[in-house]
PDB file of all heavy atoms in Angstrom:
ATOM      1  N   ILE A   1     -11.902  -0.058 -56.468  1.00  0.00           N
ATOM      2  CA  ILE A   1     -10.967  -0.156 -57.477  1.00  0.00           C
ATOM      3  C   ILE A   1     -11.349   0.795 -58.693  1.00  0.00           C
ATOM      4  O   ILE A   1     -10.560   1.478 -59.223  1.00  0.00           O
ATOM      5  CB  ILE A   1     -10.804  -1.589 -57.924  1.00  0.00           C
ATOM      6  CG1 ILE A   1     -10.071  -2.363 -56.879  1.00  0.00           C
ATOM      7  CG2 ILE A   1      -9.905  -1.478 -59.265  1.00  0.00           C
ATOM      8  CD1 ILE A   1     -10.040  -3.868 -57.043  1.00  0.00           C
ATOM      9  N   ASN A   2     -12.496   0.762 -58.972  1.00  0.00           N
ATOM     10  CA  ASN A   2     -13.092   1.740 -60.179  1.00  0.00           C
ATOM     11  C   ASN A   2     -12.870   3.176 -59.619  1.00  0.00           C
ATOM     12  O   ASN A   2     -12.472   4.028 -60.376  1.00  0.00           O
ATOM     13  CB  ASN A   2     -14.581   1.335 -60.506  1.00  0.00           C
ATOM     14  CG  ASN A   2     -14.705   0.255 -61.097  1.00  0.00           C
ATOM     15  OD1 ASN A   2     -13.780  -0.387 -61.934  1.00  0.00           O
ATOM     16  ND2 ASN A   2     -15.970  -0.399 -61.165  1.00  0.00           N
ATOM     17  N   ALA A   3     -13.163   3.395 -58.458  1.00  0.00           N
ATOM     18  CA  ALA A   3     -13.016   4.877 -57.863  1.00  0.00           C
ATOM     19  C   ALA A   3     -11.466   5.174 -57.964  1.00  0.00           C
ATOM     20  O   ALA A   3     -11.202   6.301 -58.371  1.00  0.00           O
ATOM     21  CB  ALA A   3     -13.525   5.009 -56.518  1.00  0.00           C
ATOM     22  N   LEU A   4     -10.728   4.249 -57.517  1.00  0.00           N
ATOM     23  CA  LEU A   4      -9.205   4.535 -57.546  1.00  0.00           C
ATOM     24  C   LEU A   4      -8.661   4.772 -58.949  1.00  0.00           C
ATOM     25  O   LEU A   4      -7.749   5.503 -59.241  1.00  0.00           O
ATOM     26  CB  LEU A   4      -8.480   3.492 -56.831  1.00  0.00           C
ATOM     27  CG  LEU A   4      -8.783   3.595 -55.279  1.00  0.00           C
ATOM     28  CD1 LEU A   4      -8.316   2.201 -54.632  1.00  0.00           C
ATOM     29  CD2 LEU A   4      -8.115   4.662 -54.631  1.00  0.00           C
ATOM     30  N   GLN A   5      -9.223   3.924 -59.833  1.00  0.00           N
ATOM     31  CA  GLN A   5      -8.703   4.059 -61.308  1.00  0.00           C
ATOM     32  C   GLN A   5      -9.238   5.476 -61.843  1.00  0.00           C
ATOM     33  O   GLN A   5      -8.438   6.021 -62.546  1.00  0.00           O
ATOM     34  CB  GLN A   5      -9.317   2.914 -62.159  1.00  0.00           C
ATOM     35  CG  GLN A   5      -8.602   1.672 -61.822  1.00  0.00           C
ATOM     36  CD  GLN A   5      -9.294   0.469 -62.658  1.00  0.00           C
ATOM     37  OE1 GLN A   5     -10.574   0.525 -62.802  1.00  0.00           O
ATOM     38  NE2 GLN A   5      -8.539  -0.650 -62.882  1.00  0.00           N
ATOM     39  N   SER A   6     -10.403   5.885 -61.584  1.00  0.00           N
ATOM     40  CA  SER A   6     -10.859   7.133 -61.844  1.00  0.00           C
ATOM     41  C   SER A   6     -10.035   8.266 -61.293  1.00  0.00           C
ATOM     42  O   SER A   6      -9.779   9.268 -61.941  1.00  0.00           O
ATOM     43  CB  SER A   6     -12.285   7.373 -61.421  1.00  0.00           C
ATOM     44  OG  SER A   6     -13.107   6.621 -62.159  1.00  0.00           O
ATOM     45  N   ALA A   7      -9.581   8.147 -60.140  1.00  0.00           N
ATOM     46  CA  ALA A   7      -8.633   8.987 -59.389  1.00  0.00           C
ATOM     47  C   ALA A   7      -7.420   9.185 -60.213  1.00  0.00           C
ATOM     48  O   ALA A   7      -6.939  10.308 -60.328  1.00  0.00           O
ATOM     49  CB  ALA A   7      -8.410   8.620 -57.866  1.00  0.00           C
ATOM     50  N   PHE A   8      -6.820   8.076 -60.565  1.00  0.00           N
ATOM     51  CA  PHE A   8      -5.618   8.051 -61.415  1.00  0.00           C
ATOM     52  C   PHE A   8      -5.766   8.824 -62.796  1.00  0.00           C
ATOM     53  O   PHE A   8      -5.031   9.716 -63.155  1.00  0.00           O
ATOM     54  CB  PHE A   8      -5.143   6.771 -61.798  1.00  0.00           C
ATOM     55  CG  PHE A   8      -4.239   6.126 -60.556  1.00  0.00           C
ATOM     56  CD1 PHE A   8      -4.579   4.953 -60.082  1.00  0.00           C
ATOM     57  CD2 PHE A   8      -3.071   6.801 -60.041  1.00  0.00           C
ATOM     58  CE1 PHE A   8      -3.860   4.274 -58.932  1.00  0.00           C
ATOM     59  CE2 PHE A   8      -2.406   6.122 -58.944  1.00  0.00           C
ATOM     60  CZ  PHE A   8      -2.729   4.988 -58.413  1.00  0.00           C
ATOM     61  N   ASN A   9      -6.859   8.560 -63.346  1.00  0.00           N
ATOM     62  CA  ASN A   9      -7.235   9.344 -64.673  1.00  0.00           C
ATOM     63  C   ASN A   9      -7.365  10.793 -64.358  1.00  0.00           C
ATOM     64  O   ASN A   9      -6.924  11.714 -65.117  1.00  0.00           O
ATOM     65  CB  ASN A   9      -8.451   8.786 -65.274  1.00  0.00           C
ATOM     66  CG  ASN A   9      -8.421   7.391 -65.766  1.00  0.00           C
ATOM     67  OD1 ASN A   9      -7.306   6.951 -66.134  1.00  0.00           O
ATOM     68  ND2 ASN A   9      -9.473   6.686 -65.941  1.00  0.00           N
ATOM     69  N   ASP A  10      -8.019  11.230 -63.279  1.00  0.00           N
ATOM     70  CA  ASP A  10      -8.108  12.577 -62.854  1.00  0.00           C
ATOM     71  C   ASP A  10      -6.757  13.325 -62.472  1.00  0.00           C
ATOM     72  O   ASP A  10      -6.528  14.391 -62.859  1.00  0.00           O
ATOM     73  CB  ASP A  10      -9.168  12.734 -61.711  1.00  0.00           C
ATOM     74  CG  ASP A  10     -10.594  12.462 -62.171  1.00  0.00           C
ATOM     75  OD1 ASP A  10     -10.752  12.210 -63.355  1.00  0.00           O
ATOM     76  OD2 ASP A  10     -11.440  12.311 -61.328  1.00  0.00           O
ATOM     77  N   LEU A  11      -6.006  12.471 -61.925  1.00  0.00           N
ATOM     78  CA  LEU A  11      -4.532  12.976 -61.564  1.00  0.00           C
ATOM     79  C   LEU A  11      -3.827  13.207 -62.878  1.00  0.00           C
ATOM     80  O   LEU A  11      -3.144  14.289 -63.077  1.00  0.00           O
ATOM     81  CB  LEU A  11      -3.763  12.068 -60.718  1.00  0.00           C
ATOM     82  CG  LEU A  11      -4.129  12.107 -59.225  1.00  0.00           C
ATOM     83  CD1 LEU A  11      -3.401  10.827 -58.468  1.00  0.00           C
ATOM     84  CD2 LEU A  11      -3.598  13.366 -58.655  1.00  0.00           C
ATOM     85  N   ASP A  12      -3.953  12.188 -63.703  1.00  0.00           N
ATOM     86  CA  ASP A  12      -3.314  12.414 -65.120  1.00  0.00           C
ATOM     87  C   ASP A  12      -3.713  13.715 -65.946  1.00  0.00           C
ATOM     88  O   ASP A  12      -2.960  14.235 -66.569  1.00  0.00           O
ATOM     89  CB  ASP A  12      -3.535  11.174 -65.853  1.00  0.00           C
ATOM     90  CG  ASP A  12      -2.689   9.860 -65.356  1.00  0.00           C
ATOM     91  OD1 ASP A  12      -1.722  10.051 -64.588  1.00  0.00           O
ATOM     92  OD2 ASP A  12      -3.088   8.798 -65.768  1.00  0.00           O
ATOM     93  N   SER A  13      -5.058  13.915 -65.735  1.00  0.00           N
ATOM     94  CA  SER A  13      -5.555  15.007 -66.560  1.00  0.00           C
ATOM     95  C   SER A  13      -5.679  16.410 -65.658  1.00  0.00           C
ATOM     96  O   SER A  13      -6.190  17.325 -66.079  1.00  0.00           O
ATOM     97  CB  SER A  13      -6.976  14.716 -67.030  1.00  0.00           C
ATOM     98  OG  SER A  13      -7.887  14.520 -65.873  1.00  0.00           O
ATOM     99  N   GLU A  14      -5.111  16.114 -64.436  1.00  0.00           N
ATOM    100  CA  GLU A  14      -5.115  17.363 -63.475  1.00  0.00           C
ATOM    101  C   GLU A  14      -6.464  17.919 -63.201  1.00  0.00           C
ATOM    102  O   GLU A  14      -6.671  19.144 -63.156  1.00  0.00           O
ATOM    103  CB  GLU A  14      -4.092  18.471 -64.050  1.00  0.00           C
ATOM    104  CG  GLU A  14      -2.690  17.898 -64.071  1.00  0.00           C
ATOM    105  CD  GLU A  14      -1.717  19.029 -64.432  1.00  0.00           C
ATOM    106  OE1 GLU A  14      -1.973  20.206 -64.491  1.00  0.00           O
ATOM    107  OE2 GLU A  14      -0.635  18.548 -64.627  1.00  0.00           O
ATOM    108  N   THR A  15      -7.415  16.993 -63.085  1.00  0.00           N
ATOM    109  CA  THR A  15      -8.834  17.312 -62.678  1.00  0.00           C
ATOM    110  C   THR A  15      -8.986  16.903 -61.157  1.00  0.00           C
ATOM    111  O   THR A  15      -9.345  15.757 -60.880  1.00  0.00           O
ATOM    112  CB  THR A  15      -9.766  16.433 -63.490  1.00  0.00           C
ATOM    113  OG1 THR A  15      -9.472  16.609 -64.914  1.00  0.00           O
ATOM    114  CG2 THR A  15     -11.124  16.912 -63.333  1.00  0.00           C
ATOM    115  N   PHE A  16      -8.470  17.809 -60.358  1.00  0.00           N
ATOM    116  CA  PHE A  16      -8.425  17.525 -58.931  1.00  0.00           C
ATOM    117  C   PHE A  16      -9.770  17.615 -58.138  1.00  0.00           C
ATOM    118  O   PHE A  16      -9.725  17.013 -57.036  1.00  0.00           O
ATOM    119  CB  PHE A  16      -7.405  18.427 -58.350  1.00  0.00           C
ATOM    120  CG  PHE A  16      -6.095  18.467 -59.028  1.00  0.00           C
ATOM    121  CD1 PHE A  16      -5.548  19.542 -59.587  1.00  0.00           C
ATOM    122  CD2 PHE A  16      -5.329  17.212 -59.103  1.00  0.00           C
ATOM    123  CE1 PHE A  16      -4.312  19.687 -60.162  1.00  0.00           C
ATOM    124  CE2 PHE A  16      -4.061  17.234 -59.722  1.00  0.00           C
ATOM    125  CZ  PHE A  16      -3.600  18.319 -60.241  1.00  0.00           C
ATOM    126  N   PHE A  17     -10.723  18.337 -58.678  1.00  0.00           N
ATOM    127  CA  PHE A  17     -11.916  18.524 -57.849  1.00  0.00           C
ATOM    128  C   PHE A  17     -12.725  17.199 -57.546  1.00  0.00           C
ATOM    129  O   PHE A  17     -13.408  17.223 -56.610  1.00  0.00           O
ATOM    130  CB  PHE A  17     -12.720  19.471 -58.385  1.00  0.00           C
ATOM    131  CG  PHE A  17     -13.471  19.172 -59.650  1.00  0.00           C
ATOM    132  CD1 PHE A  17     -14.868  18.713 -59.700  1.00  0.00           C
ATOM    133  CD2 PHE A  17     -12.792  19.481 -60.977  1.00  0.00           C
ATOM    134  CE1 PHE A  17     -15.333  18.374 -60.858  1.00  0.00           C
ATOM    135  CE2 PHE A  17     -13.517  18.929 -62.076  1.00  0.00           C
ATOM    136  CZ  PHE A  17     -14.592  18.482 -62.149  1.00  0.00           C
ATOM    137  N   THR A  18     -12.573  16.277 -58.461  1.00  0.00           N
ATOM    138  CA  THR A  18     -13.320  14.955 -57.979  1.00  0.00           C
ATOM    139  C   THR A  18     -12.533  14.054 -57.079  1.00  0.00           C
ATOM    140  O   THR A  18     -13.080  13.137 -56.483  1.00  0.00           O
ATOM    141  CB  THR A  18     -13.496  14.196 -59.436  1.00  0.00           C
ATOM    142  OG1 THR A  18     -12.262  13.931 -60.020  1.00  0.00           O
ATOM    143  CG2 THR A  18     -14.276  15.018 -60.350  1.00  0.00           C
ATOM    144  N   LEU A  19     -11.201  14.292 -56.765  1.00  0.00           N
ATOM    145  CA  LEU A  19     -10.530  13.504 -56.030  1.00  0.00           C
ATOM    146  C   LEU A  19     -11.018  13.091 -54.575  1.00  0.00           C
ATOM    147  O   LEU A  19     -11.131  11.960 -54.089  1.00  0.00           O
ATOM    148  CB  LEU A  19      -8.977  13.871 -56.007  1.00  0.00           C
ATOM    149  CG  LEU A  19      -8.179  13.927 -57.262  1.00  0.00           C
ATOM    150  CD1 LEU A  19      -6.787  14.440 -57.029  1.00  0.00           C
ATOM    151  CD2 LEU A  19      -8.045  12.500 -57.776  1.00  0.00           C
ATOM    152  N   PRO A  20     -11.376  14.122 -53.809  1.00  0.00           N
ATOM    153  CA  PRO A  20     -11.869  13.889 -52.524  1.00  0.00           C
ATOM    154  C   PRO A  20     -13.252  12.872 -52.539  1.00  0.00           C
ATOM    155  O   PRO A  20     -13.219  12.034 -51.714  1.00  0.00           O
ATOM    156  CB  PRO A  20     -12.317  15.196 -51.911  1.00  0.00           C
ATOM    157  CG  PRO A  20     -11.436  16.174 -52.694  1.00  0.00           C
ATOM    158  CD  PRO A  20     -11.325  15.621 -54.137  1.00  0.00           C
ATOM    159  N   GLY A  21     -14.128  13.068 -53.470  1.00  0.00           N
ATOM    160  CA  GLY A  21     -15.189  12.305 -53.598  1.00  0.00           C
ATOM    161  C   GLY A  21     -14.822  10.768 -53.957  1.00  0.00           C
ATOM    162  O   GLY A  21     -15.413   9.823 -53.351  1.00  0.00           O
ATOM    163  N   LEU A  22     -13.918  10.647 -54.864  1.00  0.00           N
ATOM    164  CA  LEU A  22     -13.441   9.327 -55.279  1.00  0.00           C
ATOM    165  C   LEU A  22     -12.701   8.669 -54.141  1.00  0.00           C
ATOM    166  O   LEU A  22     -12.985   7.374 -53.796  1.00  0.00           O
ATOM    167  CB  LEU A  22     -12.462   9.367 -56.413  1.00  0.00           C
ATOM    168  CG  LEU A  22     -13.100   9.789 -57.622  1.00  0.00           C
ATOM    169  CD1 LEU A  22     -12.192  10.165 -58.891  1.00  0.00           C
ATOM    170  CD2 LEU A  22     -14.271   8.811 -58.120  1.00  0.00           C
ATOM    171  N   ALA A  23     -12.034   9.311 -53.301  1.00  0.00           N
ATOM    172  CA  ALA A  23     -11.332   8.775 -52.170  1.00  0.00           C
ATOM    173  C   ALA A  23     -12.407   8.379 -51.040  1.00  0.00           C
ATOM    174  O   ALA A  23     -12.244   7.337 -50.441  1.00  0.00           O
ATOM    175  CB  ALA A  23     -10.332   9.656 -51.465  1.00  0.00           C
ATOM    176  N   ASN A  24     -13.342   9.189 -50.965  1.00  0.00           N
ATOM    177  CA  ASN A  24     -14.442   8.837 -49.989  1.00  0.00           C
ATOM    178  C   ASN A  24     -15.245   7.753 -50.346  1.00  0.00           C
ATOM    179  O   ASN A  24     -15.689   6.962 -49.576  1.00  0.00           O
ATOM    180  CB  ASN A  24     -15.348  10.302 -49.912  1.00  0.00           C
ATOM    181  CG  ASN A  24     -16.199  10.174 -48.659  1.00  0.00           C
ATOM    182  OD1 ASN A  24     -15.940   9.679 -47.559  1.00  0.00           O
ATOM    183  ND2 ASN A  24     -17.463  10.534 -48.809  1.00  0.00           N
ATOM    184  N   ASP A  25     -15.511   7.671 -51.766  1.00  0.00           N
ATOM    185  CA  ASP A  25     -16.310   6.379 -52.210  1.00  0.00           C
ATOM    186  C   ASP A  25     -15.450   5.183 -51.916  1.00  0.00           C
ATOM    187  O   ASP A  25     -16.043   4.109 -51.575  1.00  0.00           O
ATOM    188  CB  ASP A  25     -16.430   6.482 -53.836  1.00  0.00           C
ATOM    189  CG  ASP A  25     -17.326   7.555 -54.164  1.00  0.00           C
ATOM    190  OD1 ASP A  25     -18.208   8.108 -53.253  1.00  0.00           O
ATOM    191  OD2 ASP A  25     -17.417   7.907 -55.446  1.00  0.00           O
TER     192      ASP A  25
END
């Protein structure tokens, strides 16, 4: 859940490079 919340924050800020790692976590 923490990883998914971070993914939403990254989507909101258009910081895409961390998304694959968060999804993998």
